[in-house]
Amino acid sequence: MHATLKKLYRDHAHFNRLMDLLERQLDGLEEGSGPVPPLLTELVAYVADYVDTFHHPVEDQLYQLMLARSDTGREQLDRLLGDHQLLTNVTRKLRKALAAIEGNGAQARSEALALGRELVRDQRAHMQLEEKEAFPLLREELAPEVFDQAAAAIPAMEDPLLDAAQQERYPALFACLGRNG
């Protein structure tokens, strides 16, 4: 398996764990009335900073390269490309809703909860489709140099949560992941 595809699978395993954590944070937000926990804010920032900015663009490159070569899997790949834009929009709206909770109370909290649950649900379904349909197709159909081409089209970035130098950027998230292994 090509290193780029291995990285995408590894990212998904990590994202599934983060979706579990996001779900628990949303449960806490629903039960409370205080300020937004820093961990929740950092989780959503991480999704915007890494998932939407680096992970999905690599997948987009691979899907577009596959579609340029063949119609095999076109329906699924087109859907996944559209999903990436939808997920990015939900993440952006969720960040705004979380920021608005401080001044807008219950309405912003309700909106943030709905958006957060939508993000968790849709991200999980999206990853499941990729792992069941898209990734096996890419593995079977694309040559190693196509994976290299896709990876080279996006500036290289390691997952910030695997880089201790990024701890200052996401201190609550690093602390939580350190406690929970």
Foldseek 3Di string as FASTA:
>chain_A
DAPLLVQLVVVVVVVLVLLVVLVVLLVVLVPDQDARDLLNLLSLVLCLVDVLQPNLQLLLLLLVVVVVVDCVPVVLSVVLNVLSVVLNVLSVLLNVLNVCCVPPTPVSSVVNSVSSVVNSVSVVVSVVSCVVPVSVCSVVPPDNVSSVVSNVVHPDDDSLLVPVVCCVVRVVNNVVVVVVD
